[in-house]
N, C-alpha and C. Protein backbone atom coordinates (compact mmCIF):
# COMPACT_ATOMS: atom_id res chain seq x y z
N MET A 1 -21.01 -10.85 5.31
CA MET A 1 -20.70 -9.66 4.51
C MET A 1 -21.61 -8.51 4.94
N THR A 2 -21.02 -7.33 5.03
CA THR A 2 -21.78 -6.17 5.47
C THR A 2 -22.83 -5.76 4.44
N ASP A 3 -23.92 -5.16 4.92
CA ASP A 3 -24.93 -4.63 4.01
C ASP A 3 -24.82 -3.11 3.91
N LYS A 4 -23.72 -2.54 4.44
CA LYS A 4 -23.51 -1.11 4.36
C LYS A 4 -23.05 -0.73 2.96
N THR A 5 -23.37 0.48 2.55
CA THR A 5 -22.90 0.98 1.26
C THR A 5 -21.43 1.38 1.38
N LEU A 6 -20.78 1.56 0.24
CA LEU A 6 -19.38 1.97 0.25
C LEU A 6 -19.21 3.32 0.97
N ILE A 7 -20.11 4.26 0.71
CA ILE A 7 -20.00 5.58 1.35
C ILE A 7 -20.17 5.45 2.86
N GLU A 8 -21.08 4.60 3.30
CA GLU A 8 -21.25 4.37 4.73
C GLU A 8 -19.97 3.80 5.34
N LEU A 9 -19.34 2.88 4.63
CA LEU A 9 -18.11 2.26 5.14
C LEU A 9 -16.96 3.26 5.17
N LEU A 10 -16.90 4.14 4.18
CA LEU A 10 -15.85 5.16 4.17
C LEU A 10 -16.06 6.19 5.27
N ASN A 11 -17.31 6.43 5.63
CA ASN A 11 -17.59 7.29 6.79
C ASN A 11 -17.24 6.59 8.09
N TRP A 12 -17.36 5.26 8.10
CA TRP A 12 -17.05 4.47 9.29
C TRP A 12 -15.55 4.41 9.55
N ARG A 13 -14.76 4.32 8.48
CA ARG A 13 -13.32 4.16 8.66
C ARG A 13 -12.66 5.47 9.10
N TYR A 14 -11.57 5.33 9.80
CA TYR A 14 -10.75 6.48 10.20
C TYR A 14 -9.35 5.95 10.47
N ALA A 15 -8.39 6.84 10.60
CA ALA A 15 -7.01 6.42 10.86
C ALA A 15 -6.91 6.00 12.32
N THR A 16 -7.10 4.73 12.57
CA THR A 16 -7.19 4.19 13.92
C THR A 16 -5.89 4.41 14.69
N LYS A 17 -6.00 5.03 15.86
CA LYS A 17 -4.82 5.38 16.65
C LYS A 17 -4.46 4.33 17.69
N LYS A 18 -5.44 3.52 18.06
CA LYS A 18 -5.16 2.45 19.02
C LYS A 18 -5.94 1.21 18.62
N MET A 19 -5.22 0.11 18.46
CA MET A 19 -5.85 -1.14 18.05
C MET A 19 -5.83 -2.15 19.20
N ASN A 20 -6.70 -3.13 19.10
CA ASN A 20 -6.81 -4.18 20.11
C ASN A 20 -5.87 -5.32 19.74
N PRO A 21 -4.75 -5.47 20.44
CA PRO A 21 -3.76 -6.50 20.07
C PRO A 21 -4.25 -7.93 20.27
N ALA A 22 -5.34 -8.08 21.01
CA ALA A 22 -5.86 -9.42 21.29
C ALA A 22 -6.80 -9.91 20.20
N LYS A 23 -7.10 -9.05 19.23
CA LYS A 23 -8.09 -9.41 18.21
C LYS A 23 -7.43 -9.47 16.84
N ASP A 24 -7.31 -10.68 16.30
CA ASP A 24 -6.68 -10.89 14.99
C ASP A 24 -7.70 -10.75 13.87
N VAL A 25 -7.23 -10.26 12.74
CA VAL A 25 -8.07 -10.19 11.55
C VAL A 25 -8.10 -11.57 10.89
N PRO A 26 -9.28 -12.13 10.61
CA PRO A 26 -9.35 -13.44 9.96
C PRO A 26 -8.58 -13.45 8.64
N GLN A 27 -7.97 -14.58 8.34
CA GLN A 27 -7.13 -14.68 7.15
C GLN A 27 -7.91 -14.40 5.87
N GLU A 28 -9.18 -14.77 5.83
CA GLU A 28 -9.95 -14.53 4.60
C GLU A 28 -10.13 -13.03 4.33
N LYS A 29 -10.19 -12.24 5.40
CA LYS A 29 -10.28 -10.79 5.21
C LYS A 29 -8.94 -10.22 4.74
N ILE A 30 -7.86 -10.71 5.33
CA ILE A 30 -6.53 -10.29 4.88
C ILE A 30 -6.33 -10.66 3.41
N ASP A 31 -6.74 -11.87 3.04
CA ASP A 31 -6.59 -12.32 1.66
C ASP A 31 -7.37 -11.44 0.70
N ALA A 32 -8.56 -11.00 1.11
CA ALA A 32 -9.37 -10.13 0.26
C ALA A 32 -8.70 -8.78 0.05
N ILE A 33 -8.10 -8.25 1.11
CA ILE A 33 -7.40 -6.97 1.00
C ILE A 33 -6.16 -7.11 0.12
N ILE A 34 -5.42 -8.19 0.30
CA ILE A 34 -4.23 -8.43 -0.53
C ILE A 34 -4.62 -8.57 -2.00
N GLU A 35 -5.70 -9.28 -2.26
CA GLU A 35 -6.13 -9.45 -3.65
C GLU A 35 -6.52 -8.11 -4.27
N ALA A 36 -7.16 -7.26 -3.49
CA ALA A 36 -7.50 -5.93 -3.99
C ALA A 36 -6.24 -5.15 -4.34
N ILE A 37 -5.21 -5.26 -3.50
CA ILE A 37 -3.93 -4.60 -3.78
C ILE A 37 -3.32 -5.16 -5.05
N ARG A 38 -3.37 -6.46 -5.20
CA ARG A 38 -2.81 -7.10 -6.41
C ARG A 38 -3.50 -6.63 -7.67
N LEU A 39 -4.80 -6.34 -7.57
CA LEU A 39 -5.59 -5.93 -8.73
C LEU A 39 -5.57 -4.42 -8.96
N ALA A 40 -4.90 -3.68 -8.10
CA ALA A 40 -4.88 -2.23 -8.23
C ALA A 40 -4.20 -1.81 -9.54
N PRO A 41 -4.68 -0.73 -10.16
CA PRO A 41 -4.05 -0.26 -11.39
C PRO A 41 -2.70 0.40 -11.11
N THR A 42 -1.79 0.25 -12.07
CA THR A 42 -0.50 0.94 -11.99
C THR A 42 -0.11 1.39 -13.40
N SER A 43 0.79 2.34 -13.48
CA SER A 43 1.22 2.88 -14.76
C SER A 43 1.80 1.79 -15.65
N SER A 44 1.23 1.65 -16.83
CA SER A 44 1.67 0.65 -17.82
C SER A 44 1.59 -0.78 -17.29
N GLY A 45 0.83 -0.97 -16.22
CA GLY A 45 0.68 -2.31 -15.66
C GLY A 45 1.97 -2.88 -15.10
N THR A 46 2.91 -1.99 -14.73
CA THR A 46 4.22 -2.49 -14.28
C THR A 46 4.19 -3.06 -12.86
N GLN A 47 3.26 -2.63 -12.02
CA GLN A 47 3.21 -3.05 -10.61
C GLN A 47 4.60 -2.96 -9.98
N PRO A 48 5.20 -1.75 -9.97
CA PRO A 48 6.59 -1.63 -9.53
C PRO A 48 6.77 -1.53 -8.02
N PHE A 49 6.14 -2.41 -7.31
CA PHE A 49 6.28 -2.45 -5.86
C PHE A 49 5.98 -3.86 -5.38
N GLU A 50 6.38 -4.14 -4.16
CA GLU A 50 6.05 -5.40 -3.52
C GLU A 50 5.40 -5.11 -2.18
N LEU A 51 4.70 -6.11 -1.67
CA LEU A 51 3.99 -5.98 -0.40
C LEU A 51 4.63 -6.91 0.61
N ILE A 52 5.09 -6.36 1.71
CA ILE A 52 5.68 -7.16 2.79
C ILE A 52 4.65 -7.21 3.92
N ILE A 53 4.30 -8.42 4.34
CA ILE A 53 3.30 -8.60 5.40
C ILE A 53 4.02 -9.07 6.66
N VAL A 54 3.99 -8.25 7.69
CA VAL A 54 4.75 -8.54 8.91
C VAL A 54 3.79 -8.90 10.04
N THR A 55 3.96 -10.11 10.57
CA THR A 55 3.19 -10.53 11.75
C THR A 55 4.12 -10.96 12.89
N ASN A 56 5.42 -10.92 12.65
CA ASN A 56 6.40 -11.29 13.67
C ASN A 56 6.50 -10.16 14.70
N PRO A 57 6.16 -10.42 15.97
CA PRO A 57 6.16 -9.35 16.98
C PRO A 57 7.51 -8.66 17.14
N GLU A 58 8.60 -9.43 17.05
CA GLU A 58 9.93 -8.84 17.20
C GLU A 58 10.22 -7.85 16.08
N VAL A 59 9.89 -8.25 14.86
CA VAL A 59 10.12 -7.37 13.71
C VAL A 59 9.20 -6.15 13.78
N GLN A 60 7.95 -6.37 14.18
CA GLN A 60 7.03 -5.24 14.35
C GLN A 60 7.58 -4.25 15.39
N GLY A 61 8.18 -4.77 16.44
CA GLY A 61 8.76 -3.91 17.46
C GLY A 61 9.90 -3.07 16.93
N LYS A 62 10.73 -3.66 16.09
CA LYS A 62 11.84 -2.92 15.50
C LYS A 62 11.32 -1.82 14.56
N ILE A 63 10.31 -2.16 13.77
CA ILE A 63 9.74 -1.17 12.87
C ILE A 63 9.07 -0.06 13.67
N CYS A 64 8.42 -0.42 14.75
CA CYS A 64 7.77 0.57 15.62
C CYS A 64 8.79 1.57 16.14
N ALA A 65 9.96 1.08 16.53
CA ALA A 65 11.02 1.97 17.03
C ALA A 65 11.51 2.91 15.94
N ALA A 66 11.44 2.47 14.69
CA ALA A 66 11.85 3.31 13.55
C ALA A 66 10.73 4.23 13.10
N ALA A 67 9.59 4.17 13.79
CA ALA A 67 8.42 4.96 13.41
C ALA A 67 7.89 5.74 14.61
N SER A 68 8.81 6.27 15.42
CA SER A 68 8.44 7.11 16.57
C SER A 68 7.50 6.40 17.53
N ASN A 69 7.62 5.08 17.59
CA ASN A 69 6.84 4.27 18.54
C ASN A 69 5.33 4.46 18.39
N GLN A 70 4.86 4.51 17.15
CA GLN A 70 3.42 4.59 16.91
C GLN A 70 2.80 3.23 17.21
N SER A 71 1.94 3.20 18.20
CA SER A 71 1.47 1.93 18.78
C SER A 71 0.72 1.01 17.82
N PRO A 72 -0.03 1.51 16.81
CA PRO A 72 -0.72 0.56 15.93
C PRO A 72 0.21 -0.44 15.25
N ILE A 73 1.49 -0.10 15.11
CA ILE A 73 2.43 -1.00 14.43
C ILE A 73 2.61 -2.29 15.22
N THR A 74 2.61 -2.20 16.54
CA THR A 74 2.76 -3.41 17.37
C THR A 74 1.42 -3.96 17.85
N GLU A 75 0.40 -3.14 17.84
CA GLU A 75 -0.92 -3.59 18.30
C GLU A 75 -1.72 -4.27 17.18
N CYS A 76 -1.35 -4.00 15.93
CA CYS A 76 -2.15 -4.49 14.81
C CYS A 76 -2.02 -5.99 14.63
N SER A 77 -2.93 -6.53 13.87
CA SER A 77 -2.92 -7.95 13.54
C SER A 77 -1.90 -8.24 12.44
N HIS A 78 -1.89 -7.41 11.41
CA HIS A 78 -0.98 -7.55 10.26
C HIS A 78 -0.46 -6.17 9.88
N LEU A 79 0.84 -6.07 9.70
CA LEU A 79 1.45 -4.82 9.26
C LEU A 79 1.85 -4.97 7.79
N LEU A 80 1.27 -4.14 6.93
CA LEU A 80 1.62 -4.14 5.52
C LEU A 80 2.65 -3.06 5.25
N VAL A 81 3.72 -3.45 4.56
CA VAL A 81 4.76 -2.51 4.15
C VAL A 81 4.77 -2.48 2.62
N PHE A 82 4.46 -1.32 2.05
CA PHE A 82 4.52 -1.15 0.60
C PHE A 82 5.95 -0.73 0.25
N ALA A 83 6.61 -1.53 -0.57
CA ALA A 83 8.01 -1.28 -0.92
C ALA A 83 8.15 -1.16 -2.44
N ALA A 84 8.57 0.01 -2.89
CA ALA A 84 8.66 0.28 -4.32
C ALA A 84 10.02 -0.13 -4.88
N TRP A 85 10.04 -0.41 -6.18
CA TRP A 85 11.31 -0.66 -6.86
C TRP A 85 12.22 0.55 -6.68
N ASP A 86 13.50 0.29 -6.48
CA ASP A 86 14.44 1.40 -6.36
C ASP A 86 14.82 1.99 -7.71
N ASN A 87 14.47 1.29 -8.80
CA ASN A 87 14.77 1.78 -10.14
C ASN A 87 14.03 0.92 -11.16
N TYR A 88 13.87 1.45 -12.37
CA TYR A 88 13.38 0.64 -13.48
C TYR A 88 14.60 0.11 -14.23
N THR A 89 14.60 -1.19 -14.49
CA THR A 89 15.71 -1.80 -15.22
C THR A 89 15.15 -2.56 -16.42
N GLU A 90 16.03 -2.87 -17.36
CA GLU A 90 15.60 -3.67 -18.51
C GLU A 90 15.02 -5.00 -18.05
N GLU A 91 15.67 -5.62 -17.07
CA GLU A 91 15.21 -6.93 -16.60
C GLU A 91 13.82 -6.85 -16.00
N ARG A 92 13.56 -5.82 -15.22
CA ARG A 92 12.24 -5.68 -14.60
C ARG A 92 11.16 -5.43 -15.65
N ILE A 93 11.44 -4.60 -16.61
CA ILE A 93 10.46 -4.33 -17.66
C ILE A 93 10.28 -5.56 -18.55
N ASP A 94 11.36 -6.30 -18.78
CA ASP A 94 11.23 -7.55 -19.54
C ASP A 94 10.33 -8.55 -18.83
N ASP A 95 10.41 -8.58 -17.50
CA ASP A 95 9.53 -9.48 -16.74
C ASP A 95 8.06 -9.08 -16.91
N VAL A 96 7.80 -7.77 -16.95
CA VAL A 96 6.43 -7.29 -17.19
C VAL A 96 5.98 -7.69 -18.59
N THR A 97 6.87 -7.55 -19.56
CA THR A 97 6.56 -7.95 -20.94
C THR A 97 6.22 -9.43 -21.00
N LYS A 98 7.03 -10.24 -20.36
CA LYS A 98 6.81 -11.70 -20.35
C LYS A 98 5.45 -12.03 -19.73
N LEU A 99 5.10 -11.36 -18.66
CA LEU A 99 3.82 -11.60 -17.99
C LEU A 99 2.67 -11.29 -18.94
N ASN A 100 2.80 -10.20 -19.71
CA ASN A 100 1.78 -9.83 -20.68
C ASN A 100 1.66 -10.84 -21.80
N VAL A 101 2.79 -11.32 -22.29
CA VAL A 101 2.78 -12.31 -23.37
C VAL A 101 2.14 -13.61 -22.90
N GLU A 102 2.44 -14.01 -21.68
CA GLU A 102 1.85 -15.24 -21.14
C GLU A 102 0.34 -15.13 -21.02
N ALA A 103 -0.15 -13.95 -20.72
CA ALA A 103 -1.59 -13.75 -20.52
C ALA A 103 -2.32 -13.45 -21.82
N ARG A 104 -1.64 -12.77 -22.77
CA ARG A 104 -2.33 -12.25 -23.95
C ARG A 104 -1.81 -12.81 -25.27
N GLY A 105 -0.71 -13.55 -25.19
CA GLY A 105 -0.16 -14.10 -26.42
C GLY A 105 0.88 -13.18 -27.05
N GLU A 106 1.51 -13.68 -28.10
CA GLU A 106 2.57 -12.93 -28.79
C GLU A 106 1.97 -11.86 -29.70
N ILE A 107 1.72 -10.71 -29.12
CA ILE A 107 1.19 -9.58 -29.86
C ILE A 107 2.32 -8.58 -30.07
N PRO A 108 2.66 -8.25 -31.32
CA PRO A 108 3.79 -7.32 -31.57
C PRO A 108 3.68 -6.02 -30.79
N LEU A 109 2.46 -5.53 -30.61
CA LEU A 109 2.27 -4.26 -29.92
C LEU A 109 2.83 -4.30 -28.50
N ILE A 110 2.75 -5.47 -27.86
CA ILE A 110 3.24 -5.60 -26.49
C ILE A 110 4.74 -5.34 -26.45
N HIS A 111 5.48 -5.99 -27.35
CA HIS A 111 6.93 -5.82 -27.37
C HIS A 111 7.31 -4.39 -27.73
N GLN A 112 6.57 -3.78 -28.64
CA GLN A 112 6.84 -2.41 -29.02
C GLN A 112 6.58 -1.47 -27.85
N TYR A 113 5.46 -1.69 -27.16
CA TYR A 113 5.08 -0.81 -26.06
C TYR A 113 6.12 -0.85 -24.95
N TYR A 114 6.48 -2.06 -24.52
CA TYR A 114 7.42 -2.15 -23.41
C TYR A 114 8.86 -1.87 -23.85
N GLY A 115 9.13 -2.03 -25.14
CA GLY A 115 10.41 -1.59 -25.66
C GLY A 115 10.56 -0.09 -25.55
N ASN A 116 9.48 0.63 -25.87
CA ASN A 116 9.48 2.08 -25.72
C ASN A 116 9.62 2.48 -24.25
N LEU A 117 9.01 1.68 -23.39
CA LEU A 117 9.11 1.98 -21.96
C LEU A 117 10.56 1.87 -21.49
N LYS A 118 11.26 0.85 -21.95
CA LYS A 118 12.68 0.70 -21.59
C LYS A 118 13.49 1.88 -22.11
N THR A 119 13.20 2.29 -23.33
CA THR A 119 13.92 3.42 -23.93
C THR A 119 13.73 4.68 -23.11
N ASN A 120 12.52 4.88 -22.60
CA ASN A 120 12.21 6.10 -21.86
C ASN A 120 12.60 6.03 -20.39
N TYR A 121 12.42 4.88 -19.76
CA TYR A 121 12.60 4.79 -18.31
C TYR A 121 14.02 4.47 -17.88
N VAL A 122 14.63 3.49 -18.52
CA VAL A 122 15.93 2.99 -18.05
C VAL A 122 17.00 4.07 -17.98
N PRO A 123 17.10 4.99 -18.95
CA PRO A 123 18.16 6.01 -18.87
C PRO A 123 17.92 7.08 -17.80
N ARG A 124 16.72 7.16 -17.25
CA ARG A 124 16.42 8.21 -16.28
C ARG A 124 17.18 8.01 -14.98
N ASP A 125 17.30 9.10 -14.22
CA ASP A 125 17.92 9.02 -12.91
C ASP A 125 17.14 8.06 -12.02
N ALA A 126 17.86 7.27 -11.24
CA ALA A 126 17.22 6.26 -10.39
C ALA A 126 16.23 6.87 -9.42
N GLU A 127 16.52 8.05 -8.92
CA GLU A 127 15.63 8.69 -7.95
C GLU A 127 14.30 9.09 -8.61
N VAL A 128 14.37 9.51 -9.87
CA VAL A 128 13.15 9.83 -10.62
C VAL A 128 12.31 8.58 -10.80
N ASN A 129 12.97 7.47 -11.13
CA ASN A 129 12.25 6.22 -11.32
C ASN A 129 11.66 5.70 -10.02
N TYR A 130 12.42 5.84 -8.92
CA TYR A 130 11.88 5.41 -7.63
C TYR A 130 10.64 6.22 -7.27
N ALA A 131 10.70 7.54 -7.49
CA ALA A 131 9.56 8.39 -7.16
C ALA A 131 8.33 7.98 -7.97
N HIS A 132 8.54 7.62 -9.23
CA HIS A 132 7.43 7.16 -10.07
C HIS A 132 6.87 5.84 -9.54
N ALA A 133 7.75 4.93 -9.17
CA ALA A 133 7.31 3.63 -8.64
C ALA A 133 6.56 3.81 -7.32
N ALA A 134 7.05 4.74 -6.49
CA ALA A 134 6.39 4.99 -5.21
C ALA A 134 4.98 5.50 -5.40
N ARG A 135 4.78 6.32 -6.43
CA ARG A 135 3.41 6.82 -6.69
C ARG A 135 2.48 5.67 -7.07
N GLN A 136 2.99 4.66 -7.72
CA GLN A 136 2.15 3.50 -8.06
C GLN A 136 1.78 2.73 -6.79
N ALA A 137 2.72 2.66 -5.85
CA ALA A 137 2.43 2.01 -4.57
C ALA A 137 1.32 2.75 -3.83
N TYR A 138 1.29 4.09 -3.97
CA TYR A 138 0.25 4.86 -3.32
C TYR A 138 -1.13 4.62 -3.93
N ILE A 139 -1.16 4.34 -5.24
CA ILE A 139 -2.44 3.97 -5.85
C ILE A 139 -2.96 2.70 -5.17
N ALA A 140 -2.07 1.73 -4.99
CA ALA A 140 -2.45 0.47 -4.34
C ALA A 140 -2.83 0.68 -2.88
N LEU A 141 -2.16 1.62 -2.22
CA LEU A 141 -2.52 1.95 -0.84
C LEU A 141 -3.96 2.43 -0.77
N GLY A 142 -4.35 3.30 -1.70
CA GLY A 142 -5.73 3.79 -1.71
C GLY A 142 -6.73 2.66 -1.88
N VAL A 143 -6.41 1.74 -2.77
CA VAL A 143 -7.28 0.58 -2.96
C VAL A 143 -7.33 -0.25 -1.68
N ALA A 144 -6.19 -0.40 -1.02
CA ALA A 144 -6.13 -1.19 0.22
C ALA A 144 -7.00 -0.58 1.31
N LEU A 145 -6.99 0.75 1.42
CA LEU A 145 -7.81 1.41 2.44
C LEU A 145 -9.29 1.17 2.20
N VAL A 146 -9.70 1.24 0.93
CA VAL A 146 -11.11 0.99 0.61
C VAL A 146 -11.45 -0.48 0.84
N ALA A 147 -10.54 -1.38 0.45
CA ALA A 147 -10.79 -2.81 0.64
C ALA A 147 -10.88 -3.16 2.12
N ALA A 148 -10.03 -2.56 2.94
CA ALA A 148 -10.10 -2.80 4.38
C ALA A 148 -11.43 -2.33 4.94
N ALA A 149 -11.89 -1.15 4.50
CA ALA A 149 -13.18 -0.66 4.96
C ALA A 149 -14.30 -1.60 4.53
N GLU A 150 -14.21 -2.11 3.31
CA GLU A 150 -15.23 -3.04 2.81
C GLU A 150 -15.29 -4.30 3.66
N GLN A 151 -14.14 -4.70 4.22
CA GLN A 151 -14.07 -5.87 5.10
C GLN A 151 -14.32 -5.50 6.56
N GLU A 152 -14.58 -4.21 6.81
CA GLU A 152 -14.74 -3.69 8.18
C GLU A 152 -13.54 -4.02 9.05
N VAL A 153 -12.38 -3.79 8.46
CA VAL A 153 -11.10 -3.93 9.15
C VAL A 153 -10.51 -2.54 9.29
N ASP A 154 -10.00 -2.22 10.46
CA ASP A 154 -9.42 -0.90 10.68
C ASP A 154 -8.02 -0.82 10.10
N SER A 155 -7.63 0.39 9.71
CA SER A 155 -6.34 0.60 9.07
C SER A 155 -5.81 1.99 9.40
N THR A 156 -4.49 2.12 9.32
CA THR A 156 -3.86 3.40 9.63
C THR A 156 -2.68 3.61 8.68
N PRO A 157 -2.85 4.37 7.61
CA PRO A 157 -1.71 4.63 6.71
C PRO A 157 -0.68 5.50 7.41
N MET A 158 0.60 5.14 7.28
CA MET A 158 1.66 5.83 8.00
C MET A 158 2.85 6.14 7.11
N GLU A 159 3.23 7.42 7.10
CA GLU A 159 4.47 7.85 6.47
C GLU A 159 5.54 8.21 7.50
N GLY A 160 5.14 8.38 8.74
CA GLY A 160 6.04 8.87 9.77
C GLY A 160 6.99 7.81 10.29
N PHE A 161 7.92 7.40 9.44
CA PHE A 161 8.91 6.40 9.84
C PHE A 161 10.20 6.66 9.07
N SER A 162 11.26 6.01 9.47
CA SER A 162 12.55 6.15 8.79
C SER A 162 12.68 5.06 7.74
N PRO A 163 12.48 5.38 6.46
CA PRO A 163 12.60 4.35 5.42
C PRO A 163 13.94 3.62 5.42
N PRO A 164 15.08 4.31 5.58
CA PRO A 164 16.34 3.54 5.60
C PRO A 164 16.39 2.51 6.72
N GLU A 165 15.84 2.85 7.89
CA GLU A 165 15.84 1.89 9.00
C GLU A 165 14.92 0.71 8.69
N VAL A 166 13.74 0.99 8.17
CA VAL A 166 12.82 -0.10 7.82
C VAL A 166 13.40 -0.96 6.71
N ASP A 167 14.05 -0.31 5.74
CA ASP A 167 14.69 -1.07 4.65
C ASP A 167 15.73 -2.04 5.21
N GLU A 168 16.49 -1.57 6.21
CA GLU A 168 17.51 -2.43 6.81
C GLU A 168 16.88 -3.56 7.61
N ILE A 169 15.85 -3.25 8.37
CA ILE A 169 15.18 -4.28 9.18
C ILE A 169 14.64 -5.40 8.29
N LEU A 170 14.08 -5.04 7.14
CA LEU A 170 13.44 -6.03 6.27
C LEU A 170 14.35 -6.53 5.14
N GLY A 171 15.58 -6.02 5.07
CA GLY A 171 16.50 -6.45 4.02
C GLY A 171 16.03 -6.07 2.63
N LEU A 172 15.47 -4.87 2.52
CA LEU A 172 14.88 -4.46 1.24
C LEU A 172 15.91 -4.00 0.22
N LYS A 173 16.98 -3.35 0.68
CA LYS A 173 17.98 -2.81 -0.26
C LYS A 173 18.55 -3.92 -1.13
N GLU A 174 18.80 -5.06 -0.51
CA GLU A 174 19.37 -6.19 -1.25
C GLU A 174 18.41 -6.71 -2.31
N ARG A 175 17.15 -6.41 -2.16
CA ARG A 175 16.14 -6.86 -3.12
C ARG A 175 15.76 -5.76 -4.11
N GLY A 176 16.47 -4.64 -4.06
CA GLY A 176 16.18 -3.55 -4.97
C GLY A 176 14.87 -2.85 -4.66
N LEU A 177 14.54 -2.77 -3.36
CA LEU A 177 13.28 -2.17 -2.92
C LEU A 177 13.53 -1.09 -1.88
N ARG A 178 12.58 -0.16 -1.78
CA ARG A 178 12.63 0.88 -0.75
C ARG A 178 11.24 1.03 -0.14
N SER A 179 11.16 1.05 1.18
CA SER A 179 9.86 1.18 1.84
C SER A 179 9.27 2.55 1.57
N VAL A 180 7.95 2.56 1.33
CA VAL A 180 7.24 3.77 0.95
C VAL A 180 6.23 4.19 2.02
N VAL A 181 5.40 3.26 2.44
CA VAL A 181 4.33 3.59 3.38
C VAL A 181 3.96 2.32 4.15
N LEU A 182 3.51 2.50 5.39
CA LEU A 182 3.10 1.38 6.24
C LEU A 182 1.58 1.40 6.38
N LEU A 183 0.99 0.20 6.53
CA LEU A 183 -0.45 0.11 6.75
C LEU A 183 -0.76 -0.98 7.76
N PRO A 184 -0.85 -0.62 9.05
CA PRO A 184 -1.32 -1.58 10.05
C PRO A 184 -2.79 -1.92 9.82
N LEU A 185 -3.13 -3.20 9.94
CA LEU A 185 -4.50 -3.67 9.84
C LEU A 185 -4.89 -4.35 11.14
N GLY A 186 -6.06 -4.04 11.64
CA GLY A 186 -6.50 -4.66 12.89
C GLY A 186 -7.89 -4.20 13.25
N TYR A 187 -8.14 -4.16 14.55
CA TYR A 187 -9.45 -3.73 15.04
C TYR A 187 -9.27 -2.66 16.11
N ARG A 188 -10.06 -1.62 16.01
CA ARG A 188 -9.97 -0.49 16.94
C ARG A 188 -10.22 -0.90 18.39
N ASP A 189 -9.54 -0.22 19.28
CA ASP A 189 -9.80 -0.37 20.71
C ASP A 189 -10.68 0.80 21.14
N PRO A 190 -12.00 0.59 21.25
CA PRO A 190 -12.91 1.71 21.52
C PRO A 190 -12.71 2.35 22.89
N THR A 191 -12.00 1.66 23.78
CA THR A 191 -11.80 2.23 25.12
C THR A 191 -10.56 3.11 25.20
N GLY A 192 -9.68 3.02 24.19
CA GLY A 192 -8.41 3.74 24.33
C GLY A 192 -8.04 4.64 23.17
N ASP A 193 -8.91 4.78 22.18
CA ASP A 193 -8.58 5.58 21.01
C ASP A 193 -9.22 6.96 21.12
N TRP A 194 -8.37 7.97 21.31
CA TRP A 194 -8.88 9.33 21.49
C TRP A 194 -9.58 9.88 20.25
N LEU A 195 -9.25 9.33 19.08
CA LEU A 195 -9.81 9.88 17.85
C LEU A 195 -11.20 9.32 17.53
N LEU A 196 -11.50 8.14 18.04
CA LEU A 196 -12.73 7.45 17.68
C LEU A 196 -14.00 8.28 17.86
N PRO A 197 -14.20 8.97 18.99
CA PRO A 197 -15.47 9.69 19.18
C PRO A 197 -15.56 11.01 18.41
N MET A 198 -14.49 11.40 17.76
CA MET A 198 -14.49 12.69 17.08
C MET A 198 -15.13 12.61 15.71
N ALA A 199 -15.73 13.71 15.28
CA ALA A 199 -16.37 13.76 13.96
C ALA A 199 -15.33 13.66 12.85
N LYS A 200 -15.72 13.06 11.74
CA LYS A 200 -14.86 13.04 10.56
C LYS A 200 -14.82 14.44 9.96
N VAL A 201 -13.63 14.91 9.65
CA VAL A 201 -13.46 16.26 9.12
C VAL A 201 -12.97 16.18 7.68
N ARG A 202 -13.76 16.69 6.75
CA ARG A 202 -13.39 16.73 5.34
C ARG A 202 -13.88 18.05 4.75
N LYS A 203 -13.21 18.51 3.69
CA LYS A 203 -13.71 19.68 2.96
C LYS A 203 -15.10 19.38 2.41
N SER A 204 -15.88 20.43 2.22
CA SER A 204 -17.18 20.25 1.58
C SER A 204 -16.97 19.96 0.09
N ARG A 205 -17.97 19.39 -0.53
CA ARG A 205 -17.90 19.15 -1.97
C ARG A 205 -17.70 20.47 -2.72
N GLU A 206 -18.35 21.52 -2.26
CA GLU A 206 -18.26 22.82 -2.94
C GLU A 206 -16.83 23.37 -2.90
N ASP A 207 -16.15 23.13 -1.78
CA ASP A 207 -14.78 23.62 -1.64
C ASP A 207 -13.76 22.75 -2.38
N MET A 208 -14.12 21.51 -2.62
CA MET A 208 -13.15 20.56 -3.16
C MET A 208 -13.28 20.35 -4.66
N VAL A 209 -14.49 20.45 -5.17
CA VAL A 209 -14.76 20.02 -6.55
C VAL A 209 -15.02 21.23 -7.44
N THR A 210 -14.34 21.26 -8.58
CA THR A 210 -14.60 22.25 -9.62
C THR A 210 -15.14 21.53 -10.85
N GLN A 211 -16.30 21.90 -11.27
CA GLN A 211 -16.91 21.28 -12.45
C GLN A 211 -16.53 22.07 -13.70
N VAL A 212 -15.96 21.38 -14.68
CA VAL A 212 -15.63 21.99 -15.96
C VAL A 212 -16.51 21.36 -17.02
N SER A 213 -17.49 22.12 -17.53
CA SER A 213 -18.46 21.56 -18.48
C SER A 213 -18.25 22.13 -19.87
């Protein structure tokens, strides 16, 4: 385990542009990142997304073609695909309710809370609900990036792909899911990544933060 601080690790990480395809991420590190994603907070605890882990080279190649041939997709050890629910349904919210009851017992407030959620969410337009679910997936993505840094695993969050093509490749539509963002995990290739030697560029705290006291 690293003795670096979280801030040191966040300074170390960057959106890796070229990964070493010969170097696999140990399963225990992948498991730690997945567990962090599983524990990520989401609105009302619904966790309205699933995580697809792709290690099949042929499938990675197809996804790469749907993502402007960005090389980390095929060079990485594990490709994570965050796929959000395409809609909120009574059945999906009932499953969340059941999970809460199993963990916390028969508390009337639970049924009331998720009953209200069904009343508010289910009648909404499906695209509105998908957008809300996708935002929850992005919360988990943020946690995944920090968890990968904590494990000293390189990562590259990617939006530059065709979601309909990726959905078709992975059979997501049939499962009521839509791909939101990709996250290749692996190890940087220090000999071939043009971005590695460059300084990290971020706004200053003064430019970014407004204190309201």
